Every structure is written in C-alpha cells, then in structure tokens.
All heavy atoms as atom14 arrays in JSON, in Angstrom:
{
  "sequence": "VQAEALAEATRESFVLERVGEYALYPRLRYRFDRLRETVQPG",
  "atom14_mask": [
    [1, 1, 1, 1, 1, 1, 1, 0, 0, 0, 0, 0, 0, 0],
    [1, 1, 1, 1, 1, 1, 1, 1, 1, 0, 0, 0, 0, 0],
    [1, 1, 1, 1, 1, 0, 0, 0, 0, 0, 0, 0, 0, 0],
    [1, 1, 1, 1, 1, 1, 1, 1, 1, 0, 0, 0, 0, 0],
    [1, 1, 1, 1, 1, 0, 0, 0, 0, 0, 0, 0, 0, 0],
    [1, 1, 1, 1, 1, 1, 1, 1, 0, 0, 0, 0, 0, 0],
    [1, 1, 1, 1, 1, 0, 0, 0, 0, 0, 0, 0, 0, 0],
    [1, 1, 1, 1, 1, 1, 1, 1, 1, 0, 0, 0, 0, 0],
    [1, 1, 1, 1, 1, 0, 0, 0, 0, 0, 0, 0, 0, 0],
    [1, 1, 1, 1, 1, 1, 1, 0, 0, 0, 0, 0, 0, 0],
    [1, 1, 1, 1, 1, 1, 1, 1, 1, 1, 1, 0, 0, 0],
    [1, 1, 1, 1, 1, 1, 1, 1, 1, 0, 0, 0, 0, 0],
    [1, 1, 1, 1, 1, 1, 0, 0, 0, 0, 0, 0, 0, 0],
    [1, 1, 1, 1, 1, 1, 1, 1, 1, 1, 1, 0, 0, 0],
    [1, 1, 1, 1, 1, 1, 1, 0, 0, 0, 0, 0, 0, 0],
    [1, 1, 1, 1, 1, 1, 1, 1, 0, 0, 0, 0, 0, 0],
    [1, 1, 1, 1, 1, 1, 1, 1, 1, 0, 0, 0, 0, 0],
    [1, 1, 1, 1, 1, 1, 1, 1, 1, 1, 1, 0, 0, 0],
    [1, 1, 1, 1, 1, 1, 1, 0, 0, 0, 0, 0, 0, 0],
    [1, 1, 1, 1, 0, 0, 0, 0, 0, 0, 0, 0, 0, 0],
    [1, 1, 1, 1, 1, 1, 1, 1, 1, 0, 0, 0, 0, 0],
    [1, 1, 1, 1, 1, 1, 1, 1, 1, 1, 1, 1, 0, 0],
    [1, 1, 1, 1, 1, 0, 0, 0, 0, 0, 0, 0, 0, 0],
    [1, 1, 1, 1, 1, 1, 1, 1, 0, 0, 0, 0, 0, 0],
    [1, 1, 1, 1, 1, 1, 1, 1, 1, 1, 1, 1, 0, 0],
    [1, 1, 1, 1, 1, 1, 1, 0, 0, 0, 0, 0, 0, 0],
    [1, 1, 1, 1, 1, 1, 1, 1, 1, 1, 1, 0, 0, 0],
    [1, 1, 1, 1, 1, 1, 1, 1, 0, 0, 0, 0, 0, 0],
    [1, 1, 1, 1, 1, 1, 1, 1, 1, 1, 1, 0, 0, 0],
    [1, 1, 1, 1, 1, 1, 1, 1, 1, 1, 1, 1, 0, 0],
    [1, 1, 1, 1, 1, 1, 1, 1, 1, 1, 1, 0, 0, 0],
    [1, 1, 1, 1, 1, 1, 1, 1, 1, 1, 1, 0, 0, 0],
    [1, 1, 1, 1, 1, 1, 1, 1, 0, 0, 0, 0, 0, 0],
    [1, 1, 1, 1, 1, 1, 1, 1, 1, 1, 1, 0, 0, 0],
    [1, 1, 1, 1, 1, 1, 1, 1, 0, 0, 0, 0, 0, 0],
    [1, 1, 1, 1, 1, 1, 1, 1, 1, 1, 1, 0, 0, 0],
    [1, 1, 1, 1, 1, 1, 1, 1, 1, 0, 0, 0, 0, 0],
    [1, 1, 1, 1, 1, 1, 1, 0, 0, 0, 0, 0, 0, 0],
    [1, 1, 1, 1, 1, 1, 1, 0, 0, 0, 0, 0, 0, 0],
    [1, 1, 1, 1, 1, 1, 1, 1, 1, 0, 0, 0, 0, 0],
    [1, 1, 1, 1, 1, 1, 1, 0, 0, 0, 0, 0, 0, 0],
    [1, 1, 1, 1, 0, 0, 0, 0, 0, 0, 0, 0, 0, 0]
  ],
  "atom14_positions": [
    [[114.13, 107.16, 86.38], [113.26, 106.27, 87.14], [113.31, 104.89, 86.5], [113.27, 104.75, 85.28], [111.8, 106.78, 87.16], [110.9, 105.76, 87.85], [111.72, 108.13, 87.85], [0.0, 0.0, 0.0], [0.0, 0.0, 0.0], [0.0, 0.0, 0.0], [0.0, 0.0, 0.0], [0.0, 0.0, 0.0], [0.0, 0.0, 0.0], [0.0, 0.0, 0.0]],
    [[113.41, 103.85, 87.34], [113.33, 102.48, 86.87], [112.44, 101.69, 87.81], [112.53, 101.84, 89.03], [114.71, 101.84, 86.81], [114.69, 100.4, 86.26], [116.09, 99.84, 86.08], [117.06, 100.45, 86.5], [116.18, 98.68, 85.45], [0.0, 0.0, 0.0], [0.0, 0.0, 0.0], [0.0, 0.0, 0.0], [0.0, 0.0, 0.0], [0.0, 0.0, 0.0]],
    [[111.54, 100.87, 87.24], [110.63, 100.05, 88.05], [110.82, 98.59, 87.68], [109.94, 97.95, 87.08], [109.19, 100.48, 87.85], [0.0, 0.0, 0.0], [0.0, 0.0, 0.0], [0.0, 0.0, 0.0], [0.0, 0.0, 0.0], [0.0, 0.0, 0.0], [0.0, 0.0, 0.0], [0.0, 0.0, 0.0], [0.0, 0.0, 0.0], [0.0, 0.0, 0.0]],
    [[111.97, 98.06, 87.99], [112.31, 96.65, 87.76], [111.77, 96.14, 86.42], [112.05, 96.73, 85.38], [111.83, 95.8, 88.94], [112.71, 95.9, 90.16], [112.35, 94.92, 91.26], [111.22, 94.44, 91.29], [113.24, 94.64, 92.09], [0.0, 0.0, 0.0], [0.0, 0.0, 0.0], [0.0, 0.0, 0.0], [0.0, 0.0, 0.0], [0.0, 0.0, 0.0]],
    [[110.99, 95.07, 86.46], [110.54, 94.44, 85.21], [109.41, 95.19, 84.53], [109.05, 94.86, 83.4], [110.09, 93.01, 85.5], [0.0, 0.0, 0.0], [0.0, 0.0, 0.0], [0.0, 0.0, 0.0], [0.0, 0.0, 0.0], [0.0, 0.0, 0.0], [0.0, 0.0, 0.0], [0.0, 0.0, 0.0], [0.0, 0.0, 0.0], [0.0, 0.0, 0.0]],
    [[108.85, 96.21, 85.16], [107.68, 96.88, 84.59], [108.01, 98.09, 83.74], [107.21, 98.52, 82.92], [106.72, 97.3, 85.72], [106.13, 96.16, 86.54], [105.2, 96.71, 87.6], [105.4, 95.16, 85.65], [0.0, 0.0, 0.0], [0.0, 0.0, 0.0], [0.0, 0.0, 0.0], [0.0, 0.0, 0.0], [0.0, 0.0, 0.0], [0.0, 0.0, 0.0]],
    [[109.18, 98.7, 83.95], [109.56, 99.88, 83.18], [111.07, 99.93, 83.04], [111.8, 99.73, 84.01], [109.05, 101.16, 83.85], [0.0, 0.0, 0.0], [0.0, 0.0, 0.0], [0.0, 0.0, 0.0], [0.0, 0.0, 0.0], [0.0, 0.0, 0.0], [0.0, 0.0, 0.0], [0.0, 0.0, 0.0], [0.0, 0.0, 0.0], [0.0, 0.0, 0.0]],
    [[111.53, 100.19, 81.82], [112.95, 100.36, 81.59], [113.44, 101.63, 82.29], [112.66, 102.55, 82.57], [113.23, 100.48, 80.09], [112.79, 99.29, 79.27], [112.96, 99.53, 77.78], [113.65, 100.53, 77.44], [112.41, 98.76, 76.99], [0.0, 0.0, 0.0], [0.0, 0.0, 0.0], [0.0, 0.0, 0.0], [0.0, 0.0, 0.0], [0.0, 0.0, 0.0]],
    [[114.74, 101.68, 82.56], [115.3, 102.9, 83.13], [115.06, 104.06, 82.16], [115.45, 104.0, 80.99], [116.79, 102.72, 83.39], [0.0, 0.0, 0.0], [0.0, 0.0, 0.0], [0.0, 0.0, 0.0], [0.0, 0.0, 0.0], [0.0, 0.0, 0.0], [0.0, 0.0, 0.0], [0.0, 0.0, 0.0], [0.0, 0.0, 0.0], [0.0, 0.0, 0.0]],
    [[114.37, 105.07, 82.62], [113.99, 106.2, 81.78], [114.59, 107.47, 82.36], [114.39, 107.78, 83.53], [112.45, 106.35, 81.72], [111.88, 105.12, 81.26], [112.05, 107.48, 80.79], [0.0, 0.0, 0.0], [0.0, 0.0, 0.0], [0.0, 0.0, 0.0], [0.0, 0.0, 0.0], [0.0, 0.0, 0.0], [0.0, 0.0, 0.0], [0.0, 0.0, 0.0]],
    [[115.31, 108.21, 81.53], [115.96, 109.44, 81.98], [115.43, 110.61, 81.14], [115.38, 110.53, 79.92], [117.47, 109.34, 81.84], [118.22, 110.56, 82.31], [119.73, 110.39, 82.17], [120.23, 109.32, 83.03], [121.53, 109.11, 83.26], [122.43, 109.91, 82.7], [121.92, 108.12, 84.04], [0.0, 0.0, 0.0], [0.0, 0.0, 0.0], [0.0, 0.0, 0.0]],
    [[115.04, 111.67, 81.81], [114.56, 112.87, 81.13], [115.08, 114.11, 81.85], [115.18, 114.12, 83.09], [113.03, 112.89, 81.07], [112.48, 114.03, 80.23], [111.0, 113.9, 79.91], [110.41, 112.85, 80.27], [110.44, 114.83, 79.31], [0.0, 0.0, 0.0], [0.0, 0.0, 0.0], [0.0, 0.0, 0.0], [0.0, 0.0, 0.0], [0.0, 0.0, 0.0]],
    [[115.44, 115.13, 81.06], [115.99, 116.35, 81.63], [115.03, 117.52, 81.43], [114.32, 117.59, 80.42], [117.34, 116.68, 80.99], [118.3, 115.67, 81.25], [0.0, 0.0, 0.0], [0.0, 0.0, 0.0], [0.0, 0.0, 0.0], [0.0, 0.0, 0.0], [0.0, 0.0, 0.0], [0.0, 0.0, 0.0], [0.0, 0.0, 0.0], [0.0, 0.0, 0.0]],
    [[115.04, 118.43, 82.4], [114.16, 119.59, 82.38], [114.96, 120.84, 82.74], [115.84, 120.78, 83.6], [113.02, 119.43, 83.4], [112.27, 118.14, 83.28], [112.66, 117.02, 84.01], [111.18, 118.03, 82.44], [111.98, 115.83, 83.91], [110.48, 116.83, 82.34], [110.87, 115.72, 83.07], [0.0, 0.0, 0.0], [0.0, 0.0, 0.0], [0.0, 0.0, 0.0]],
    [[114.65, 121.94, 82.11], [115.23, 123.22, 82.48], [114.19, 123.98, 83.3], [113.08, 124.24, 82.83], [115.64, 124.03, 81.25], [116.14, 125.43, 81.67], [116.74, 123.31, 80.48], [0.0, 0.0, 0.0], [0.0, 0.0, 0.0], [0.0, 0.0, 0.0], [0.0, 0.0, 0.0], [0.0, 0.0, 0.0], [0.0, 0.0, 0.0], [0.0, 0.0, 0.0]],
    [[114.56, 124.31, 84.55], [113.64, 124.97, 85.46], [113.88, 126.47, 85.41], [114.92, 126.96, 85.84], [113.84, 124.44, 86.89], [113.9, 122.9, 87.04], [113.9, 122.54, 88.51], [112.77, 122.23, 86.3], [0.0, 0.0, 0.0], [0.0, 0.0, 0.0], [0.0, 0.0, 0.0], [0.0, 0.0, 0.0], [0.0, 0.0, 0.0], [0.0, 0.0, 0.0]],
    [[112.94, 127.2, 84.86], [113.15, 128.61, 84.59], [112.94, 129.51, 85.81], [113.29, 130.68, 85.78], [112.22, 129.06, 83.47], [112.52, 128.35, 82.14], [111.64, 128.82, 81.01], [110.63, 129.51, 81.3], [111.95, 128.52, 79.85], [0.0, 0.0, 0.0], [0.0, 0.0, 0.0], [0.0, 0.0, 0.0], [0.0, 0.0, 0.0], [0.0, 0.0, 0.0]],
    [[112.35, 128.95, 86.86], [112.03, 129.77, 88.03], [112.57, 129.14, 89.29], [112.79, 127.94, 89.38], [110.51, 129.94, 88.16], [109.83, 130.46, 86.92], [108.33, 130.51, 87.13], [107.63, 130.9, 85.92], [106.3, 131.04, 85.84], [105.56, 130.8, 86.92], [105.75, 131.4, 84.71], [0.0, 0.0, 0.0], [0.0, 0.0, 0.0], [0.0, 0.0, 0.0]],
    [[112.75, 129.96, 90.28], [113.01, 129.47, 91.63], [111.68, 129.06, 92.25], [110.68, 129.77, 92.1], [113.7, 130.56, 92.49], [113.82, 130.1, 93.94], [115.06, 130.91, 91.91], [0.0, 0.0, 0.0], [0.0, 0.0, 0.0], [0.0, 0.0, 0.0], [0.0, 0.0, 0.0], [0.0, 0.0, 0.0], [0.0, 0.0, 0.0], [0.0, 0.0, 0.0]],
    [[111.64, 127.91, 92.91], [110.4, 127.49, 93.54], [110.22, 125.99, 93.52], [111.16, 125.23, 93.25], [0.0, 0.0, 0.0], [0.0, 0.0, 0.0], [0.0, 0.0, 0.0], [0.0, 0.0, 0.0], [0.0, 0.0, 0.0], [0.0, 0.0, 0.0], [0.0, 0.0, 0.0], [0.0, 0.0, 0.0], [0.0, 0.0, 0.0], [0.0, 0.0, 0.0]],
    [[108.99, 125.56, 93.8], [108.66, 124.14, 93.9], [108.27, 123.57, 92.54], [107.47, 124.18, 91.81], [107.51, 123.93, 94.89], [107.83, 124.34, 96.31], [108.89, 123.45, 96.94], [108.88, 122.24, 96.67], [109.73, 123.98, 97.69], [0.0, 0.0, 0.0], [0.0, 0.0, 0.0], [0.0, 0.0, 0.0], [0.0, 0.0, 0.0], [0.0, 0.0, 0.0]],
    [[108.81, 122.4, 92.21], [108.5, 121.74, 90.95], [108.09, 120.29, 91.2], [108.56, 119.64, 92.15], [109.73, 121.74, 90.02], [109.93, 123.03, 89.27], [110.56, 124.1, 89.88], [109.48, 123.18, 87.96], [110.74, 125.3, 89.2], [109.67, 124.36, 87.26], [110.29, 125.42, 87.89], [110.47, 126.6, 87.21], [0.0, 0.0, 0.0], [0.0, 0.0, 0.0]],
    [[107.24, 119.79, 90.31], [106.91, 118.37, 90.23], [107.37, 117.89, 88.85], [106.91, 118.41, 87.83], [105.42, 118.14, 90.4], [0.0, 0.0, 0.0], [0.0, 0.0, 0.0], [0.0, 0.0, 0.0], [0.0, 0.0, 0.0], [0.0, 0.0, 0.0], [0.0, 0.0, 0.0], [0.0, 0.0, 0.0], [0.0, 0.0, 0.0], [0.0, 0.0, 0.0]],
    [[108.28, 116.94, 88.81], [108.89, 116.48, 87.57], [108.56, 115.01, 87.35], [108.86, 114.17, 88.22], [110.41, 116.67, 87.62], [110.9, 118.09, 87.96], [112.42, 118.13, 88.01], [110.37, 119.12, 86.97], [0.0, 0.0, 0.0], [0.0, 0.0, 0.0], [0.0, 0.0, 0.0], [0.0, 0.0, 0.0], [0.0, 0.0, 0.0], [0.0, 0.0, 0.0]],
    [[107.94, 114.7, 86.21], [107.5, 113.34, 85.93], [108.01, 112.91, 84.55], [107.45, 113.3, 83.53], [105.97, 113.24, 85.96], [105.4, 113.3, 87.35], [105.36, 114.5, 88.05], [104.92, 112.16, 87.97], [104.86, 114.56, 89.34], [104.41, 112.2, 89.26], [104.39, 113.41, 89.93], [103.9, 113.46, 91.21], [0.0, 0.0, 0.0], [0.0, 0.0, 0.0]],
    [[109.1, 112.12, 84.48], [109.58, 111.65, 83.18], [108.57, 110.7, 82.54], [107.78, 110.05, 83.22], [110.88, 110.92, 83.53], [110.74, 110.53, 84.96], [109.9, 111.6, 85.6], [0.0, 0.0, 0.0], [0.0, 0.0, 0.0], [0.0, 0.0, 0.0], [0.0, 0.0, 0.0], [0.0, 0.0, 0.0], [0.0, 0.0, 0.0], [0.0, 0.0, 0.0]],
    [[108.62, 110.64, 81.22], [107.74, 109.74, 80.47], [108.34, 108.34, 80.51], [109.24, 108.02, 79.73], [107.56, 110.23, 79.05], [106.76, 111.51, 78.95], [106.85, 112.11, 77.55], [105.89, 113.2, 77.4], [106.1, 114.44, 77.84], [107.23, 114.74, 78.48], [105.19, 115.37, 77.65], [0.0, 0.0, 0.0], [0.0, 0.0, 0.0], [0.0, 0.0, 0.0]],
    [[107.84, 107.51, 81.39], [108.43, 106.2, 81.59], [108.19, 105.29, 80.4], [107.1, 105.32, 79.78], [107.87, 105.54, 82.86], [108.68, 105.77, 84.15], [108.77, 107.25, 84.46], [108.08, 105.0, 85.3], [0.0, 0.0, 0.0], [0.0, 0.0, 0.0], [0.0, 0.0, 0.0], [0.0, 0.0, 0.0], [0.0, 0.0, 0.0], [0.0, 0.0, 0.0]],
    [[109.19, 104.49, 80.09], [109.07, 103.48, 79.03], [108.57, 102.18, 79.66], [109.36, 101.29, 80.01], [110.4, 103.29, 78.3], [110.85, 104.52, 77.53], [112.0, 104.18, 76.58], [113.2, 103.8, 77.3], [114.13, 104.64, 77.72], [113.98, 105.95, 77.5], [115.2, 104.21, 78.36], [0.0, 0.0, 0.0], [0.0, 0.0, 0.0], [0.0, 0.0, 0.0]],
    [[107.28, 102.09, 79.81], [106.68, 100.91, 80.44], [106.72, 99.71, 79.51], [106.66, 99.84, 78.28], [105.23, 101.19, 80.82], [105.06, 102.08, 82.02], [104.62, 103.4, 81.88], [105.32, 101.6, 83.3], [104.45, 104.21, 82.99], [105.16, 102.41, 84.41], [104.73, 103.72, 84.25], [104.57, 104.53, 85.34], [0.0, 0.0, 0.0], [0.0, 0.0, 0.0]],
    [[106.79, 98.54, 80.1], [106.64, 97.29, 79.35], [105.15, 96.91, 79.41], [104.69, 96.27, 80.35], [107.52, 96.2, 79.96], [109.02, 96.5, 79.83], [109.85, 95.33, 80.35], [111.25, 95.48, 79.99], [112.2, 95.93, 80.8], [111.88, 96.28, 82.05], [113.44, 96.04, 80.41], [0.0, 0.0, 0.0], [0.0, 0.0, 0.0], [0.0, 0.0, 0.0]],
    [[104.45, 97.36, 78.42], [102.99, 97.25, 78.45], [102.51, 95.81, 78.49], [101.46, 95.51, 79.08], [102.38, 97.99, 77.25], [102.67, 99.46, 77.25], [103.39, 100.05, 76.23], [102.22, 100.26, 78.29], [103.66, 101.4, 76.24], [102.48, 101.62, 78.31], [103.21, 102.19, 77.28], [0.0, 0.0, 0.0], [0.0, 0.0, 0.0], [0.0, 0.0, 0.0]],
    [[103.25, 94.9, 77.85], [102.84, 93.49, 77.9], [102.88, 92.95, 79.32], [102.0, 92.18, 79.74], [103.7, 92.65, 76.96], [105.2, 92.78, 77.26], [105.59, 93.8, 77.87], [105.97, 91.88, 76.88], [0.0, 0.0, 0.0], [0.0, 0.0, 0.0], [0.0, 0.0, 0.0], [0.0, 0.0, 0.0], [0.0, 0.0, 0.0], [0.0, 0.0, 0.0]],
    [[103.89, 93.36, 80.09], [103.99, 92.92, 81.49], [102.84, 93.49, 82.32], [102.26, 92.8, 83.17], [105.32, 93.36, 82.08], [106.55, 92.8, 81.36], [106.89, 91.4, 81.83], [108.09, 90.89, 81.19], [109.31, 91.06, 81.64], [109.51, 91.75, 82.77], [110.35, 90.55, 81.0], [0.0, 0.0, 0.0], [0.0, 0.0, 0.0], [0.0, 0.0, 0.0]],
    [[102.53, 94.76, 82.1], [101.44, 95.39, 82.84], [100.11, 94.68, 82.55], [99.3, 94.45, 83.45], [101.33, 96.86, 82.48], [102.5, 97.75, 82.91], [102.35, 99.14, 82.29], [102.55, 97.87, 84.42], [0.0, 0.0, 0.0], [0.0, 0.0, 0.0], [0.0, 0.0, 0.0], [0.0, 0.0, 0.0], [0.0, 0.0, 0.0], [0.0, 0.0, 0.0]],
    [[99.9, 94.35, 81.27], [98.64, 93.73, 80.87], [98.45, 92.36, 81.5], [97.33, 91.93, 81.77], [98.6, 93.62, 79.34], [97.23, 93.33, 78.77], [97.27, 93.35, 77.25], [97.52, 94.7, 76.74], [98.64, 95.09, 76.13], [99.63, 94.24, 75.96], [98.77, 96.32, 75.7], [0.0, 0.0, 0.0], [0.0, 0.0, 0.0], [0.0, 0.0, 0.0]],
    [[99.55, 91.68, 81.79], [99.48, 90.33, 82.34], [99.63, 90.3, 83.86], [99.77, 89.23, 84.44], [100.56, 89.46, 81.69], [100.41, 89.29, 80.18], [99.03, 88.77, 79.79], [98.52, 87.86, 80.49], [98.47, 89.26, 78.8], [0.0, 0.0, 0.0], [0.0, 0.0, 0.0], [0.0, 0.0, 0.0], [0.0, 0.0, 0.0], [0.0, 0.0, 0.0]],
    [[99.61, 91.44, 84.51], [99.74, 91.49, 85.97], [98.37, 91.2, 86.58], [97.56, 92.1, 86.79], [100.26, 92.87, 86.43], [101.49, 93.15, 85.78], [100.47, 92.88, 87.95], [0.0, 0.0, 0.0], [0.0, 0.0, 0.0], [0.0, 0.0, 0.0], [0.0, 0.0, 0.0], [0.0, 0.0, 0.0], [0.0, 0.0, 0.0], [0.0, 0.0, 0.0]],
    [[98.1, 89.95, 86.87], [96.78, 89.55, 87.37], [96.76, 89.41, 88.88], [95.69, 89.29, 89.49], [96.31, 88.25, 86.7], [96.1, 88.46, 85.22], [97.3, 87.11, 86.93], [0.0, 0.0, 0.0], [0.0, 0.0, 0.0], [0.0, 0.0, 0.0], [0.0, 0.0, 0.0], [0.0, 0.0, 0.0], [0.0, 0.0, 0.0], [0.0, 0.0, 0.0]],
    [[97.95, 89.38, 89.51], [98.02, 89.3, 90.97], [98.81, 90.5, 91.49], [99.82, 90.88, 90.91], [98.73, 88.01, 91.4], [98.0, 86.74, 91.04], [96.71, 86.57, 91.84], [96.57, 87.11, 92.94], [95.77, 85.82, 91.3], [0.0, 0.0, 0.0], [0.0, 0.0, 0.0], [0.0, 0.0, 0.0], [0.0, 0.0, 0.0], [0.0, 0.0, 0.0]],
    [[98.35, 91.1, 92.59], [99.13, 92.2, 93.16], [100.45, 91.68, 93.73], [100.55, 90.52, 94.14], [98.22, 92.74, 94.26], [97.32, 91.59, 94.62], [97.13, 90.82, 93.36], [0.0, 0.0, 0.0], [0.0, 0.0, 0.0], [0.0, 0.0, 0.0], [0.0, 0.0, 0.0], [0.0, 0.0, 0.0], [0.0, 0.0, 0.0], [0.0, 0.0, 0.0]],
    [[101.44, 92.54, 93.75], [102.73, 92.14, 94.29], [103.66, 93.34, 94.41], [103.31, 94.45, 94.04], [0.0, 0.0, 0.0], [0.0, 0.0, 0.0], [0.0, 0.0, 0.0], [0.0, 0.0, 0.0], [0.0, 0.0, 0.0], [0.0, 0.0, 0.0], [0.0, 0.0, 0.0], [0.0, 0.0, 0.0], [0.0, 0.0, 0.0], [0.0, 0.0, 0.0]]
  ]
}
C-alpha cells in the first residue's frame, strides 16, 4: 500500500492457514510529520 506523500510504499506478507475470507492490513509507514500538518482536507 502507498498513499502518495502521506505514507511510504509498505509491503507485508501473510500466510493464510485456512480457506475463507480474510482482512489483511499491512502496518503502513506513515509520514507522521505530514499528517500532523494536514490542516486542510484534500
């Protein structure tokens, strides 16, 4: 997952032990300084 200027491209791998539905959420490497200074929506 990559979110332009707000998060670096983050790649994470998972081993799925079962057949079925999964929700997979990698630990994004956010640029916290950019998030803190986001004062206008966009």
